[in-house]
Amino acid sequence: MQLTAQPRPAVVSPLAQLLEDPSLDCQPIQVPARSTLYQPDDPAQAIYYIRGGQIRTYQISAHDSRRLVEILGTDQWCGAAALAGLSHYGEAAEAIVPSTVCIVPIEHLLGVLQQRPAAAIELIRQLAQKLAVLRDDAAGLVFEDCHHRLVRTLLELSRSPAASSMPDGQVVLRITHQQLAQKVGVARETVSLVPFPVHDFRAPVGVD
């Protein structure tokens, strides 16, 4: 007797299922690489759900310097300021590669979440994870030296959409020294002098 293995059904996250609700009127849009989804002063009226690609969020200072905050990929989202009821996003979001994104108006989302407890729980869980990461980053600035912060950040980024595994087991991280230094909170020269290989990378789309 010959047995044929049946393929396992694809697991669809509660948030992905939520976006199928017709009352959200959420249509995917194609976002070219290097396009900006929103700026810090834009009104926070929607969250952005990522169906594919890579989105990075940045804090921008009054002098236009940028700090990398998050690297997001498929089934993740940005625009938490809208969910918090803030007037503006307070950060910038940029597509690093061609991406597929759903813009979800916050008023529609809050209405649908009342009928979708599983999606609401998932959203709360993800918000709590974001908060925990930001809390750890803040604690690292006080309790860790720059070398430990750099190592911890590299390990975190190695599990992000910016990383890809090579056949020889190495992990290639698509991030520049400047972006890494901004995320860790050190000077760029500090990253360049670490006692293990950290090679500057410039992606095909021209990440600066």
Protein backbone atom coordinates (compact mmCIF):
# COMPACT_ATOMS: atom_id res chain seq x y z
CA MET A 1 0.00 0.00 0.00
CA GLN A 2 1.35 3.40 -0.99
CA LEU A 3 0.69 6.36 1.25
CA THR A 4 0.68 9.88 -0.11
CA ALA A 5 1.55 12.68 2.28
CA GLN A 6 -1.03 15.42 2.29
CA PRO A 7 0.31 18.99 2.30
CA ARG A 8 -0.31 20.87 5.50
CA PRO A 9 -2.71 23.77 5.15
CA ALA A 10 -1.07 27.18 5.27
CA VAL A 11 -1.39 28.88 8.63
CA VAL A 12 -3.07 32.26 8.30
CA SER A 13 -2.55 34.73 11.13
CA PRO A 14 -5.54 36.36 12.86
CA LEU A 15 -4.50 39.74 11.45
CA ALA A 16 -4.34 38.40 7.91
CA GLN A 17 -7.81 36.91 8.39
CA LEU A 18 -9.02 40.23 9.73
CA LEU A 19 -8.03 42.03 6.56
CA GLU A 20 -10.40 39.81 4.58
CA ASP A 21 -13.34 41.51 6.32
CA PRO A 22 -15.08 43.52 3.56
CA SER A 23 -16.07 46.28 5.98
CA LEU A 24 -12.40 47.27 6.26
CA ASP A 25 -12.32 48.00 2.52
CA CYS A 26 -8.62 47.17 2.57
CA GLN A 27 -7.06 46.78 -0.85
CA PRO A 28 -3.36 45.88 -1.18
CA ILE A 29 -1.18 48.50 -2.87
CA GLN A 30 2.22 48.07 -4.48
CA VAL A 31 4.87 50.30 -2.92
CA PRO A 32 8.08 50.86 -4.92
CA ALA A 33 11.45 50.56 -3.22
CA ARG A 34 12.62 53.72 -1.44
CA SER A 35 9.06 55.06 -1.25
CA THR A 36 7.86 56.68 1.96
CA LEU A 37 4.63 55.42 3.53
CA TYR A 38 4.33 58.27 6.00
CA GLN A 39 6.35 61.04 7.61
CA PRO A 40 6.50 62.09 11.31
CA ASP A 41 4.13 65.03 10.80
CA ASP A 42 1.53 63.10 8.79
CA PRO A 43 -1.85 62.63 10.52
CA ALA A 44 -2.03 59.19 12.15
CA GLN A 45 -5.19 57.86 10.53
CA ALA A 46 -4.30 54.28 9.56
CA ILE A 47 -2.02 51.37 10.26
CA TYR A 48 0.00 49.72 7.48
CA TYR A 49 -0.10 45.94 7.25
CA ILE A 50 2.71 44.33 5.23
CA ARG A 51 1.72 41.47 2.94
CA GLY A 52 5.18 41.20 1.43
CA GLY A 53 8.46 43.07 1.19
CA GLN A 54 10.31 45.06 3.81
CA ILE A 55 9.44 48.28 5.62
CA ARG A 56 11.74 50.17 7.99
CA THR A 57 10.68 52.82 10.48
CA TYR A 58 12.86 55.70 11.63
CA GLN A 59 12.85 58.40 14.26
CA ILE A 60 13.91 61.73 12.76
CA SER A 61 15.47 64.51 14.82
CA ALA A 62 14.98 68.23 14.41
CA HIS A 63 18.32 68.25 12.54
CA ASP A 64 17.13 65.54 10.10
CA SER A 65 19.34 62.78 11.48
CA ARG A 66 17.62 59.39 11.46
CA ARG A 67 17.54 56.48 13.91
CA LEU A 68 16.46 53.05 12.70
CA VAL A 69 13.66 51.74 14.94
CA GLU A 70 12.17 48.64 13.31
CA ILE A 71 12.73 46.38 10.33
CA LEU A 72 9.41 44.82 9.39
CA GLY A 73 8.36 42.12 6.95
CA THR A 74 5.44 39.92 5.94
CA ASP A 75 2.52 39.76 8.40
CA GLN A 76 3.84 42.68 10.42
CA TRP A 77 2.59 46.24 10.61
CA CYS A 78 3.53 49.81 11.48
CA GLY A 79 1.71 53.00 12.38
CA ALA A 80 1.04 52.28 16.07
CA ALA A 81 0.48 55.99 16.68
CA ALA A 82 -2.91 55.68 14.95
CA LEU A 83 -3.89 52.84 17.28
CA ALA A 84 -2.77 54.94 20.26
CA GLY A 85 -5.00 57.82 19.18
CA LEU A 86 -2.09 60.20 18.58
CA SER A 87 -2.49 63.05 16.14
CA HIS A 88 0.69 62.34 14.14
CA TYR A 89 2.88 59.31 13.46
CA GLY A 90 6.02 60.78 15.02
CA GLU A 91 8.20 58.53 12.86
CA ALA A 92 8.85 57.81 9.20
CA ALA A 93 8.21 54.53 7.39
CA GLU A 94 9.99 53.59 4.17
CA ALA A 95 9.85 50.62 1.81
CA ILE A 96 13.34 49.21 1.32
CA VAL A 97 12.35 46.79 -1.45
CA PRO A 98 9.19 46.63 -3.58
CA SER A 99 6.47 45.83 -1.05
CA THR A 100 2.78 44.99 -0.86
CA VAL A 101 1.00 46.93 1.86
CA CYS A 102 -2.59 47.28 3.07
CA ILE A 103 -3.61 50.68 4.45
CA VAL A 104 -6.17 50.06 7.21
CA PRO A 105 -8.14 53.13 8.36
CA ILE A 106 -8.04 53.17 12.15
CA GLU A 107 -11.77 53.92 12.57
CA HIS A 108 -12.70 50.89 10.48
CA LEU A 109 -10.17 48.73 12.29
CA LEU A 110 -11.43 49.59 15.78
CA GLY A 111 -15.00 48.86 14.73
CA VAL A 112 -14.15 45.44 13.29
CA LEU A 113 -11.93 44.46 16.24
CA GLN A 114 -14.97 44.53 18.50
CA GLN A 115 -16.30 41.55 16.54
CA ARG A 116 -12.93 39.77 16.15
CA PRO A 117 -11.51 38.97 19.62
CA ALA A 118 -8.77 36.70 18.23
CA ALA A 119 -7.43 39.50 16.05
CA ALA A 120 -7.69 41.97 18.95
CA ILE A 121 -5.69 39.62 21.18
CA GLU A 122 -3.04 39.18 18.48
CA LEU A 123 -2.78 42.95 18.06
CA ILE A 124 -2.35 43.41 21.82
CA ARG A 125 0.31 40.70 21.87
CA GLN A 126 2.26 42.34 19.08
CA LEU A 127 2.00 45.75 20.74
CA ALA A 128 3.31 44.24 23.98
CA GLN A 129 6.24 42.72 22.08
CA LYS A 130 7.08 46.09 20.53
CA LEU A 131 6.95 47.70 23.97
CA ALA A 132 9.21 45.02 25.45
CA VAL A 133 11.80 45.53 22.71
CA LEU A 134 11.79 49.31 23.21
CA ARG A 135 12.11 48.85 26.97
CA ASP A 136 15.10 46.54 26.53
CA ASP A 137 16.71 49.04 24.15
CA ALA A 138 16.28 51.82 26.70
CA ALA A 139 17.67 49.64 29.50
CA GLY A 140 20.67 48.76 27.35
CA LEU A 141 21.62 52.42 27.08
CA VAL A 142 21.95 52.51 30.87
CA PHE A 143 23.12 49.04 31.89
CA GLU A 144 25.20 47.80 28.93
CA ASP A 145 28.38 49.07 27.33
CA CYS A 146 28.39 49.79 23.62
CA HIS A 147 29.98 46.43 22.73
CA HIS A 148 27.22 44.43 24.46
CA ARG A 149 24.53 46.61 22.86
CA LEU A 150 26.09 46.06 19.46
CA VAL A 151 26.24 42.28 19.86
CA ARG A 152 22.65 42.13 21.12
CA THR A 153 21.43 44.33 18.27
CA LEU A 154 23.21 42.20 15.66
CA LEU A 155 21.61 39.06 17.08
CA GLU A 156 18.17 40.68 16.96
CA LEU A 157 18.68 41.93 13.41
CA SER A 158 19.89 38.49 12.29
CA ARG A 159 16.31 37.31 12.90
CA SER A 160 14.75 40.26 11.08
CA PRO A 161 13.63 40.59 7.43
CA ALA A 162 16.91 42.43 6.76
CA ALA A 163 18.86 39.16 7.18
CA SER A 164 19.22 36.23 4.82
CA SER A 165 20.98 32.89 5.30
CA MET A 166 23.67 31.78 2.88
CA PRO A 167 24.41 28.16 1.85
CA ASP A 168 27.63 28.20 3.88
CA GLY A 169 25.70 29.05 7.06
CA GLN A 170 26.62 32.72 7.19
CA VAL A 171 23.97 35.37 7.71
CA VAL A 172 24.05 38.43 5.47
CA LEU A 173 22.60 41.52 7.14
CA ARG A 174 21.45 44.23 4.76
CA ILE A 175 22.19 47.32 6.79
CA THR A 176 24.84 50.04 6.65
CA HIS A 177 27.32 50.86 9.40
CA GLN A 178 25.59 54.21 9.85
CA GLN A 179 22.14 52.65 10.36
CA LEU A 180 23.55 50.07 12.75
CA ALA A 181 25.34 52.75 14.76
CA GLN A 182 22.15 54.82 14.99
CA LYS A 183 20.14 51.85 16.22
CA VAL A 184 22.74 50.90 18.84
CA GLY A 185 23.34 54.48 19.96
CA VAL A 186 27.06 54.73 19.18
CA ALA A 187 29.28 56.54 16.72
CA ARG A 188 29.74 54.99 13.28
CA GLU A 189 33.46 54.62 13.98
CA THR A 190 32.65 52.35 16.93
CA VAL A 191 30.84 49.92 14.64
CA SER A 192 33.73 49.96 12.19
CA LEU A 193 36.19 49.03 14.96
CA VAL A 194 34.37 46.05 16.47
CA PRO A 195 36.62 42.96 16.87
CA PHE A 196 34.56 40.73 14.55
CA PRO A 197 33.49 41.05 10.91
CA VAL A 198 30.75 43.61 10.30
CA HIS A 199 30.84 44.53 6.64
CA ASP A 200 29.10 47.61 5.32
CA PHE A 201 26.36 46.65 2.89
CA ARG A 202 24.73 48.59 0.09
CA ALA A 203 21.61 46.87 -1.23
CA PRO A 204 20.70 46.80 -4.94
CA VAL A 205 18.02 49.41 -4.24
CA GLY A 206 20.65 51.74 -2.80
CA VAL A 207 20.18 51.79 0.96
CA ASP A 208 22.13 54.78 2.26
